[in-house]
Amino acid sequence: MSLKMYMTTVTSCRKTKSQQNEMLRILDTQGVQYEIVDISLDKSILGEMREKAGNPSAGPPQLFSGDKYIGSFEQLMDAVEDGNLDQFLEVKK
């Protein structure tokens, strides 16, 4: 399965931009391969992300392993702090 990061390239929200950049930095630093899915390209992609996450108000960034929901930025940061990043990501480097 491949890791997918749902994010947006069009936002004026500093918090979203900061979280996305930090998530990308962590994934890149760990050498994890991932695919970016830009929800700003089509509104249906946002709906798809929310449906897969099981949360009608979920916002970017969100992580998925294939179609399986892994978690949000906050959950990623918890995994980093707990030293469980590899287990959280469920992917092989």
PDB file of N, CA and C in Angstrom:
ATOM      1  N   MET A   1       0.838  -1.186   0.000  1.00  0.00           N
ATOM      2  CA  MET A   1       0.000   0.000   0.000  1.00  0.00           C
ATOM      3  C   MET A   1       0.874   1.236   0.000  1.00  0.00           C
ATOM      4  N   SER A   2       0.355   2.273  -0.589  1.00  0.00           N
ATOM      5  CA  SER A   2       1.116   3.513  -0.631  1.00  0.00           C
ATOM      6  C   SER A   2       0.519   4.546   0.314  1.00  0.00           C
ATOM      7  N   LEU A   3       1.384   5.346   0.879  1.00  0.00           N
ATOM      8  CA  LEU A   3       0.959   6.399   1.778  1.00  0.00           C
ATOM      9  C   LEU A   3       0.464   7.576   0.951  1.00  0.00           C
ATOM     10  N   LYS A   4      -0.686   8.121   1.339  1.00  0.00           N
ATOM     11  CA  LYS A   4      -1.242   9.294   0.667  1.00  0.00           C
ATOM     12  C   LYS A   4      -1.453  10.395   1.693  1.00  0.00           C
ATOM     13  N   MET A   5      -1.012  11.583   1.317  1.00  0.00           N
ATOM     14  CA  MET A   5      -1.230  12.756   2.159  1.00  0.00           C
ATOM     15  C   MET A   5      -2.200  13.674   1.440  1.00  0.00           C
ATOM     16  N   TYR A   6      -3.370  13.845   2.018  1.00  0.00           N
ATOM     17  CA  TYR A   6      -4.350  14.784   1.478  1.00  0.00           C
ATOM     18  C   TYR A   6      -4.033  16.150   2.050  1.00  0.00           C
ATOM     19  N   MET A   7      -3.841  17.111   1.156  1.00  0.00           N
ATOM     20  CA  MET A   7      -3.508  18.475   1.553  1.00  0.00           C
ATOM     21  C   MET A   7      -4.128  19.449   0.553  1.00  0.00           C
ATOM     22  N   THR A   8      -3.930  20.726   0.790  1.00  0.00           N
ATOM     23  CA  THR A   8      -4.416  21.733  -0.140  1.00  0.00           C
ATOM     24  C   THR A   8      -3.295  22.696  -0.501  1.00  0.00           C
ATOM     25  N   THR A   9      -3.249  23.076  -1.761  1.00  0.00           N
ATOM     26  CA  THR A   9      -2.265  24.077  -2.184  1.00  0.00           C
ATOM     27  C   THR A   9      -2.877  25.471  -2.185  1.00  0.00           C
ATOM     28  N   VAL A  10      -4.165  25.546  -1.869  1.00  0.00           N
ATOM     29  CA  VAL A  10      -4.857  26.833  -1.858  1.00  0.00           C
ATOM     30  C   VAL A  10      -5.514  27.029  -0.493  1.00  0.00           C
ATOM     31  N   THR A  11      -4.846  27.800   0.364  1.00  0.00           N
ATOM     32  CA  THR A  11      -5.416  28.132   1.667  1.00  0.00           C
ATOM     33  C   THR A  11      -4.778  29.410   2.188  1.00  0.00           C
ATOM     34  N   SER A  12      -5.545  30.164   2.934  1.00  0.00           N
ATOM     35  CA  SER A  12      -4.996  31.357   3.578  1.00  0.00           C
ATOM     36  C   SER A  12      -4.823  31.111   5.077  1.00  0.00           C
ATOM     37  N   CYS A  13      -5.097  29.895   5.509  1.00  0.00           N
ATOM     38  CA  CYS A  13      -5.008  29.534   6.922  1.00  0.00           C
ATOM     39  C   CYS A  13      -3.564  29.168   7.278  1.00  0.00           C
ATOM     40  N   ARG A  14      -2.940  29.959   8.134  1.00  0.00           N
ATOM     41  CA  ARG A  14      -1.552  29.703   8.530  1.00  0.00           C
ATOM     42  C   ARG A  14      -1.393  28.361   9.227  1.00  0.00           C
ATOM     43  N   LYS A  15      -2.385  28.001  10.045  1.00  0.00           N
ATOM     44  CA  LYS A  15      -2.316  26.741  10.781  1.00  0.00           C
ATOM     45  C   LYS A  15      -2.262  25.556   9.809  1.00  0.00           C
ATOM     46  N   THR A  16      -3.114  25.571   8.796  1.00  0.00           N
ATOM     47  CA  THR A  16      -3.132  24.486   7.807  1.00  0.00           C
ATOM     48  C   THR A  16      -1.810  24.430   7.059  1.00  0.00           C
ATOM     49  N   LYS A  17      -1.321  25.579   6.608  1.00  0.00           N
ATOM     50  CA  LYS A  17      -0.038  25.619   5.896  1.00  0.00           C
ATOM     51  C   LYS A  17       1.091  25.087   6.762  1.00  0.00           C
ATOM     52  N   SER A  18       1.125  25.513   8.009  1.00  0.00           N
ATOM     53  CA  SER A  18       2.173  25.095   8.927  1.00  0.00           C
ATOM     54  C   SER A  18       2.111  23.589   9.180  1.00  0.00           C
ATOM     55  N   GLN A  19       0.909  23.071   9.409  1.00  0.00           N
ATOM     56  CA  GLN A  19       0.754  21.634   9.654  1.00  0.00           C
ATOM     57  C   GLN A  19       1.162  20.819   8.428  1.00  0.00           C
ATOM     58  N   GLN A  20       0.758  21.256   7.261  1.00  0.00           N
ATOM     59  CA  GLN A  20       1.122  20.553   6.032  1.00  0.00           C
ATOM     60  C   GLN A  20       2.637  20.545   5.836  1.00  0.00           C
ATOM     61  N   ASN A  21       3.268  21.691   6.026  1.00  0.00           N
ATOM     62  CA  ASN A  21       4.721  21.778   5.860  1.00  0.00           C
ATOM     63  C   ASN A  21       5.458  20.896   6.861  1.00  0.00           C
ATOM     64  N   GLU A  22       4.980  20.866   8.100  1.00  0.00           N
ATOM     65  CA  GLU A  22       5.616  20.038   9.117  1.00  0.00           C
ATOM     66  C   GLU A  22       5.421  18.555   8.808  1.00  0.00           C
ATOM     67  N   MET A  23       4.235  18.182   8.343  1.00  0.00           N
ATOM     68  CA  MET A  23       3.976  16.791   7.985  1.00  0.00           C
ATOM     69  C   MET A  23       4.887  16.370   6.828  1.00  0.00           C
ATOM     70  N   LEU A  24       5.012  17.220   5.821  1.00  0.00           N
ATOM     71  CA  LEU A  24       5.901  16.925   4.699  1.00  0.00           C
ATOM     72  C   LEU A  24       7.346  16.800   5.161  1.00  0.00           C
ATOM     73  N   ARG A  25       7.765  17.682   6.046  1.00  0.00           N
ATOM     74  CA  ARG A  25       9.134  17.650   6.565  1.00  0.00           C
ATOM     75  C   ARG A  25       9.400  16.334   7.291  1.00  0.00           C
ATOM     76  N   ILE A  26       8.462  15.910   8.120  1.00  0.00           N
ATOM     77  CA  ILE A  26       8.630  14.657   8.870  1.00  0.00           C
ATOM     78  C   ILE A  26       8.715  13.473   7.914  1.00  0.00           C
ATOM     79  N   LEU A  27       7.804  13.406   6.953  1.00  0.00           N
ATOM     80  CA  LEU A  27       7.814  12.291   6.003  1.00  0.00           C
ATOM     81  C   LEU A  27       9.102  12.272   5.186  1.00  0.00           C
ATOM     82  N   ASP A  28       9.529  13.441   4.728  1.00  0.00           N
ATOM     83  CA  ASP A  28      10.762  13.530   3.942  1.00  0.00           C
ATOM     84  C   ASP A  28      11.989  13.153   4.776  1.00  0.00           C
ATOM     85  N   THR A  29      12.053  13.642   6.004  1.00  0.00           N
ATOM     86  CA  THR A  29      13.174  13.355   6.888  1.00  0.00           C
ATOM     87  C   THR A  29      13.278  11.866   7.186  1.00  0.00           C
ATOM     88  N   GLN A  30      12.141  11.214   7.290  1.00  0.00           N
ATOM     89  CA  GLN A  30      12.117   9.774   7.582  1.00  0.00           C
ATOM     90  C   GLN A  30      12.311   8.919   6.334  1.00  0.00           C
ATOM     91  N   GLY A  31      12.368   9.546   5.171  1.00  0.00           N
ATOM     92  CA  GLY A  31      12.571   8.801   3.931  1.00  0.00           C
ATOM     93  C   GLY A  31      11.358   8.001   3.495  1.00  0.00           C
ATOM     94  N   VAL A  32      10.194   8.439   3.941  1.00  0.00           N
ATOM     95  CA  VAL A  32       8.952   7.742   3.613  1.00  0.00           C
ATOM     96  C   VAL A  32       8.467   8.196   2.236  1.00  0.00           C
ATOM     97  N   GLN A  33       8.107   7.238   1.403  1.00  0.00           N
ATOM     98  CA  GLN A  33       7.536   7.575   0.095  1.00  0.00           C
ATOM     99  C   GLN A  33       6.041   7.819   0.267  1.00  0.00           C
ATOM    100  N   TYR A  34       5.555   8.846  -0.402  1.00  0.00           N
ATOM    101  CA  TYR A  34       4.144   9.196  -0.279  1.00  0.00           C
ATOM    102  C   TYR A  34       3.670   9.879  -1.552  1.00  0.00           C
ATOM    103  N   GLU A  35       2.367   9.913  -1.682  1.00  0.00           N
ATOM    104  CA  GLU A  35       1.717  10.593  -2.796  1.00  0.00           C
ATOM    105  C   GLU A  35       0.908  11.743  -2.207  1.00  0.00           C
ATOM    106  N   ILE A  36       0.967  12.891  -2.856  1.00  0.00           N
ATOM    107  CA  ILE A  36       0.171  14.040  -2.416  1.00  0.00           C
ATOM    108  C   ILE A  36      -1.122  14.068  -3.219  1.00  0.00           C
ATOM    109  N   VAL A  37      -2.232  14.219  -2.491  1.00  0.00           N
ATOM    110  CA  VAL A  37      -3.536  14.375  -3.121  1.00  0.00           C
ATOM    111  C   VAL A  37      -4.016  15.776  -2.757  1.00  0.00           C
ATOM    112  N   ASP A  38      -4.146  16.638  -3.759  1.00  0.00           N
ATOM    113  CA  ASP A  38      -4.508  18.043  -3.544  1.00  0.00           C
ATOM    114  C   ASP A  38      -6.024  18.200  -3.591  1.00  0.00           C
ATOM    115  N   ILE A  39      -6.616  18.477  -2.433  1.00  0.00           N
ATOM    116  CA  ILE A  39      -8.074  18.603  -2.358  1.00  0.00           C
ATOM    117  C   ILE A  39      -8.595  19.876  -3.008  1.00  0.00           C
ATOM    118  N   SER A  40      -7.694  20.818  -3.306  1.00  0.00           N
ATOM    119  CA  SER A  40      -8.143  22.080  -3.914  1.00  0.00           C
ATOM    120  C   SER A  40      -8.420  21.935  -5.407  1.00  0.00           C
ATOM    121  N   LEU A  41      -8.036  20.803  -5.990  1.00  0.00           N
ATOM    122  CA  LEU A  41      -8.244  20.609  -7.423  1.00  0.00           C
ATOM    123  C   LEU A  41      -9.701  20.335  -7.774  1.00  0.00           C
ATOM    124  N   ASP A  42     -10.421  19.716  -6.842  1.00  0.00           N
ATOM    125  CA  ASP A  42     -11.807  19.331  -7.117  1.00  0.00           C
ATOM    126  C   ASP A  42     -12.511  19.129  -5.785  1.00  0.00           C
ATOM    127  N   LYS A  43     -13.687  19.705  -5.643  1.00  0.00           N
ATOM    128  CA  LYS A  43     -14.431  19.598  -4.385  1.00  0.00           C
ATOM    129  C   LYS A  43     -14.760  18.153  -4.033  1.00  0.00           C
ATOM    130  N   SER A  44     -14.885  17.304  -5.035  1.00  0.00           N
ATOM    131  CA  SER A  44     -15.199  15.906  -4.765  1.00  0.00           C
ATOM    132  C   SER A  44     -14.055  15.202  -4.034  1.00  0.00           C
ATOM    133  N   ILE A  45     -12.829  15.686  -4.212  1.00  0.00           N
ATOM    134  CA  ILE A  45     -11.674  15.091  -3.520  1.00  0.00           C
ATOM    135  C   ILE A  45     -11.761  15.380  -2.022  1.00  0.00           C
ATOM    136  N   LEU A  46     -12.220  16.575  -1.667  1.00  0.00           N
ATOM    137  CA  LEU A  46     -12.430  16.915  -0.262  1.00  0.00           C
ATOM    138  C   LEU A  46     -13.478  15.979   0.336  1.00  0.00           C
ATOM    139  N   GLY A  47     -14.561  15.761  -0.382  1.00  0.00           N
ATOM    140  CA  GLY A  47     -15.605  14.850   0.085  1.00  0.00           C
ATOM    141  C   GLY A  47     -15.083  13.430   0.243  1.00  0.00           C
ATOM    142  N   GLU A  48     -14.261  13.002  -0.702  1.00  0.00           N
ATOM    143  CA  GLU A  48     -13.652  11.670  -0.647  1.00  0.00           C
ATOM    144  C   GLU A  48     -12.772  11.541   0.592  1.00  0.00           C
ATOM    145  N   MET A  49     -11.956  12.563   0.863  1.00  0.00           N
ATOM    146  CA  MET A  49     -11.082  12.547   2.030  1.00  0.00           C
ATOM    147  C   MET A  49     -11.906  12.448   3.309  1.00  0.00           C
ATOM    148  N   ARG A  50     -12.942  13.249   3.412  1.00  0.00           N
ATOM    149  CA  ARG A  50     -13.783  13.257   4.611  1.00  0.00           C
ATOM    150  C   ARG A  50     -14.513  11.930   4.798  1.00  0.00           C
ATOM    151  N   GLU A  51     -14.978  11.364   3.698  1.00  0.00           N
ATOM    152  CA  GLU A  51     -15.675  10.079   3.776  1.00  0.00           C
ATOM    153  C   GLU A  51     -14.726   8.981   4.249  1.00  0.00           C
ATOM    154  N   LYS A  52     -13.528   8.933   3.664  1.00  0.00           N
ATOM    155  CA  LYS A  52     -12.544   7.918   4.043  1.00  0.00           C
ATOM    156  C   LYS A  52     -12.098   8.094   5.496  1.00  0.00           C
ATOM    157  N   ALA A  53     -12.026   9.352   5.958  1.00  0.00           N
ATOM    158  CA  ALA A  53     -11.607   9.633   7.330  1.00  0.00           C
ATOM    159  C   ALA A  53     -12.737   9.376   8.327  1.00  0.00           C
ATOM    160  N   GLY A  54     -13.958   9.270   7.812  1.00  0.00           N
ATOM    161  CA  GLY A  54     -15.095   9.057   8.698  1.00  0.00           C
ATOM    162  C   GLY A  54     -15.455  10.288   9.501  1.00  0.00           C
ATOM    163  N   ASN A  55     -15.117  11.463   8.946  1.00  0.00           N
ATOM    164  CA  ASN A  55     -15.366  12.725   9.642  1.00  0.00           C
ATOM    165  C   ASN A  55     -15.816  13.764   8.624  1.00  0.00           C
ATOM    166  N   PRO A  56     -17.100  14.170   8.660  1.00  0.00           N
ATOM    167  CA  PRO A  56     -17.612  15.110   7.672  1.00  0.00           C
ATOM    168  C   PRO A  56     -17.017  16.515   7.749  1.00  0.00           C
ATOM    169  N   SER A  57     -16.260  16.795   8.801  1.00  0.00           N
ATOM    170  CA  SER A  57     -15.650  18.124   8.907  1.00  0.00           C
ATOM    171  C   SER A  57     -14.123  18.066   8.899  1.00  0.00           C
ATOM    172  N   ALA A  58     -13.547  16.923   8.545  1.00  0.00           N
ATOM    173  CA  ALA A  58     -12.083  16.789   8.517  1.00  0.00           C
ATOM    174  C   ALA A  58     -11.467  17.752   7.515  1.00  0.00           C
ATOM    175  N   GLY A  59     -10.370  18.347   7.923  1.00  0.00           N
ATOM    176  CA  GLY A  59      -9.634  19.246   7.040  1.00  0.00           C
ATOM    177  C   GLY A  59      -8.222  18.738   6.842  1.00  0.00           C
ATOM    178  N   PRO A  60      -7.550  19.266   5.860  1.00  0.00           N
ATOM    179  CA  PRO A  60      -6.181  18.830   5.602  1.00  0.00           C
ATOM    180  C   PRO A  60      -5.234  19.350   6.673  1.00  0.00           C
ATOM    181  N   PRO A  61      -4.114  18.659   6.861  1.00  0.00           N
ATOM    182  CA  PRO A  61      -3.657  17.452   6.188  1.00  0.00           C
ATOM    183  C   PRO A  61      -4.166  16.187   6.865  1.00  0.00           C
ATOM    184  N   GLN A  62      -4.345  15.148   6.070  1.00  0.00           N
ATOM    185  CA  GLN A  62      -4.775  13.836   6.551  1.00  0.00           C
ATOM    186  C   GLN A  62      -3.918  12.776   5.870  1.00  0.00           C
ATOM    187  N   LEU A  63      -3.645  11.691   6.579  1.00  0.00           N
ATOM    188  CA  LEU A  63      -2.825  10.606   6.042  1.00  0.00           C
ATOM    189  C   LEU A  63      -3.624   9.327   5.880  1.00  0.00           C
ATOM    190  N   PHE A  64      -3.350   8.622   4.770  1.00  0.00           N
ATOM    191  CA  PHE A  64      -4.001   7.358   4.473  1.00  0.00           C
ATOM    192  C   PHE A  64      -2.954   6.381   3.965  1.00  0.00           C
ATOM    193  N   SER A  65      -3.156   5.107   4.287  1.00  0.00           N
ATOM    194  CA  SER A  65      -2.356   4.031   3.713  1.00  0.00           C
ATOM    195  C   SER A  65      -3.272   3.346   2.715  1.00  0.00           C
ATOM    196  N   GLY A  66      -3.077   3.664   1.443  1.00  0.00           N
ATOM    197  CA  GLY A  66      -4.044   3.241   0.435  1.00  0.00           C
ATOM    198  C   GLY A  66      -5.344   3.969   0.707  1.00  0.00           C
ATOM    199  N   ASP A  67      -6.411   3.214   0.960  1.00  0.00           N
ATOM    200  CA  ASP A  67      -7.694   3.824   1.305  1.00  0.00           C
ATOM    201  C   ASP A  67      -7.969   3.779   2.807  1.00  0.00           C
ATOM    202  N   LYS A  68      -7.039   3.223   3.574  1.00  0.00           N
ATOM    203  CA  LYS A  68      -7.225   3.114   5.017  1.00  0.00           C
ATOM    204  C   LYS A  68      -6.770   4.399   5.701  1.00  0.00           C
ATOM    205  N   TYR A  69      -7.652   4.969   6.512  1.00  0.00           N
ATOM    206  CA  TYR A  69      -7.338   6.191   7.238  1.00  0.00           C
ATOM    207  C   TYR A  69      -6.314   5.908   8.324  1.00  0.00           C
ATOM    208  N   ILE A  70      -5.257   6.721   8.347  1.00  0.00           N
ATOM    209  CA  ILE A  70      -4.226   6.596   9.378  1.00  0.00           C
ATOM    210  C   ILE A  70      -4.414   7.667  10.442  1.00  0.00           C
ATOM    211  N   GLY A  71      -4.547   8.931  10.013  1.00  0.00           N
ATOM    212  CA  GLY A  71      -4.730   9.968  11.014  1.00  0.00           C
ATOM    213  C   GLY A  71      -4.455  11.370  10.516  1.00  0.00           C
ATOM    214  N   SER A  72      -4.642  12.289  11.434  1.00  0.00           N
ATOM    215  CA  SER A  72      -4.474  13.715  11.172  1.00  0.00           C
ATOM    216  C   SER A  72      -3.091  14.181  11.608  1.00  0.00           C
ATOM    217  N   PHE A  73      -2.851  15.456  11.464  1.00  0.00           N
ATOM    218  CA  PHE A  73      -1.585  16.049  11.887  1.00  0.00           C
ATOM    219  C   PHE A  73      -1.343  15.803  13.374  1.00  0.00           C
ATOM    220  N   GLU A  74      -2.374  16.006  14.194  1.00  0.00           N
ATOM    221  CA  GLU A  74      -2.229  15.838  15.634  1.00  0.00           C
ATOM    222  C   GLU A  74      -1.843  14.396  15.974  1.00  0.00           C
ATOM    223  N   GLN A  75      -2.437  13.439  15.294  1.00  0.00           N
ATOM    224  CA  GLN A  75      -2.112  12.040  15.551  1.00  0.00           C
ATOM    225  C   GLN A  75      -0.688  11.714  15.097  1.00  0.00           C
ATOM    226  N   LEU A  76      -0.259  12.310  13.995  1.00  0.00           N
ATOM    227  CA  LEU A  76       1.118  12.138  13.534  1.00  0.00           C
ATOM    228  C   LEU A  76       2.086  12.677  14.580  1.00  0.00           C
ATOM    229  N   MET A  77       1.810  13.850  15.097  1.00  0.00           N
ATOM    230  CA  MET A  77       2.694  14.452  16.088  1.00  0.00           C
ATOM    231  C   MET A  77       2.742  13.622  17.373  1.00  0.00           C
ATOM    232  N   ASP A  78       1.604  13.053  17.773  1.00  0.00           N
ATOM    233  CA  ASP A  78       1.587  12.169  18.941  1.00  0.00           C
ATOM    234  C   ASP A  78       2.504  10.968  18.708  1.00  0.00           C
ATOM    235  N   ALA A  79       2.453  10.401  17.502  1.00  0.00           N
ATOM    236  CA  ALA A  79       3.292   9.247  17.166  1.00  0.00           C
ATOM    237  C   ALA A  79       4.772   9.623  17.189  1.00  0.00           C
ATOM    238  N   VAL A  80       5.098  10.814  16.699  1.00  0.00           N
ATOM    239  CA  VAL A  80       6.490  11.283  16.719  1.00  0.00           C
ATOM    240  C   VAL A  80       6.960  11.422  18.168  1.00  0.00           C
ATOM    241  N   GLU A  81       6.149  12.056  18.998  1.00  0.00           N
ATOM    242  CA  GLU A  81       6.519  12.272  20.399  1.00  0.00           C
ATOM    243  C   GLU A  81       6.644  10.964  21.171  1.00  0.00           C
ATOM    244  N   ASP A  82       5.813   9.966  20.810  1.00  0.00           N
ATOM    245  CA  ASP A  82       5.836   8.672  21.490  1.00  0.00           C
ATOM    246  C   ASP A  82       6.890   7.725  20.925  1.00  0.00           C
ATOM    247  N   GLY A  83       7.547   8.121  19.835  1.00  0.00           N
ATOM    248  CA  GLY A  83       8.543   7.269  19.205  1.00  0.00           C
ATOM    249  C   GLY A  83       7.946   6.108  18.423  1.00  0.00           C
ATOM    250  N   ASN A  84       6.692   6.261  17.986  1.00  0.00           N
ATOM    251  CA  ASN A  84       5.982   5.196  17.267  1.00  0.00           C
ATOM    252  C   ASN A  84       5.671   5.564  15.821  1.00  0.00           C
ATOM    253  N   LEU A  85       6.481   6.376  15.206  1.00  0.00           N
ATOM    254  CA  LEU A  85       6.171   6.873  13.868  1.00  0.00           C
ATOM    255  C   LEU A  85       6.075   5.753  12.836  1.00  0.00           C
ATOM    256  N   ASP A  86       7.029   4.832  12.832  1.00  0.00           N
ATOM    257  CA  ASP A  86       6.994   3.751  11.846  1.00  0.00           C
ATOM    258  C   ASP A  86       5.730   2.917  11.988  1.00  0.00           C
ATOM    259  N   GLN A  87       5.369   2.602  13.201  1.00  0.00           N
ATOM    260  CA  GLN A  87       4.155   1.821  13.453  1.00  0.00           C
ATOM    261  C   GLN A  87       2.917   2.616  13.025  1.00  0.00           C
ATOM    262  N   PHE A  88       2.892   3.903  13.318  1.00  0.00           N
ATOM    263  CA  PHE A  88       1.753   4.764  12.973  1.00  0.00           C
ATOM    264  C   PHE A  88       1.564   4.830  11.463  1.00  0.00           C
ATOM    265  N   LEU A  89       2.651   4.991  10.728  1.00  0.00           N
ATOM    266  CA  LEU A  89       2.564   5.150   9.273  1.00  0.00           C
ATOM    267  C   LEU A  89       2.194   3.859   8.533  1.00  0.00           C
ATOM    268  N   GLU A  90       2.495   2.718   9.143  1.00  0.00           N
ATOM    269  CA  GLU A  90       2.121   1.429   8.564  1.00  0.00           C
ATOM    270  C   GLU A  90       2.691   1.206   7.168  1.00  0.00           C
ATOM    271  N   VAL A  91       3.831   1.796   6.884  1.00  0.00           N
ATOM    272  CA  VAL A  91       4.471   1.590   5.586  1.00  0.00           C
ATOM    273  C   VAL A  91       5.925   1.230   5.788  1.00  0.00           C
ATOM    274  N   LYS A  92       6.483   0.572   4.809  1.00  0.00           N
ATOM    275  CA  LYS A  92       7.902   0.257   4.860  1.00  0.00           C
ATOM    276  C   LYS A  92       8.660   1.323   4.085  1.00  0.00           C
ATOM    277  N   LYS A  93       9.766   1.730   4.628  1.00  0.00           N
ATOM    278  CA  LYS A  93      10.586   2.761   3.987  1.00  0.00           C
ATOM    279  C   LYS A  93      11.351   2.184   2.828  1.00  0.00           C
TER     280      LYS A  93
END
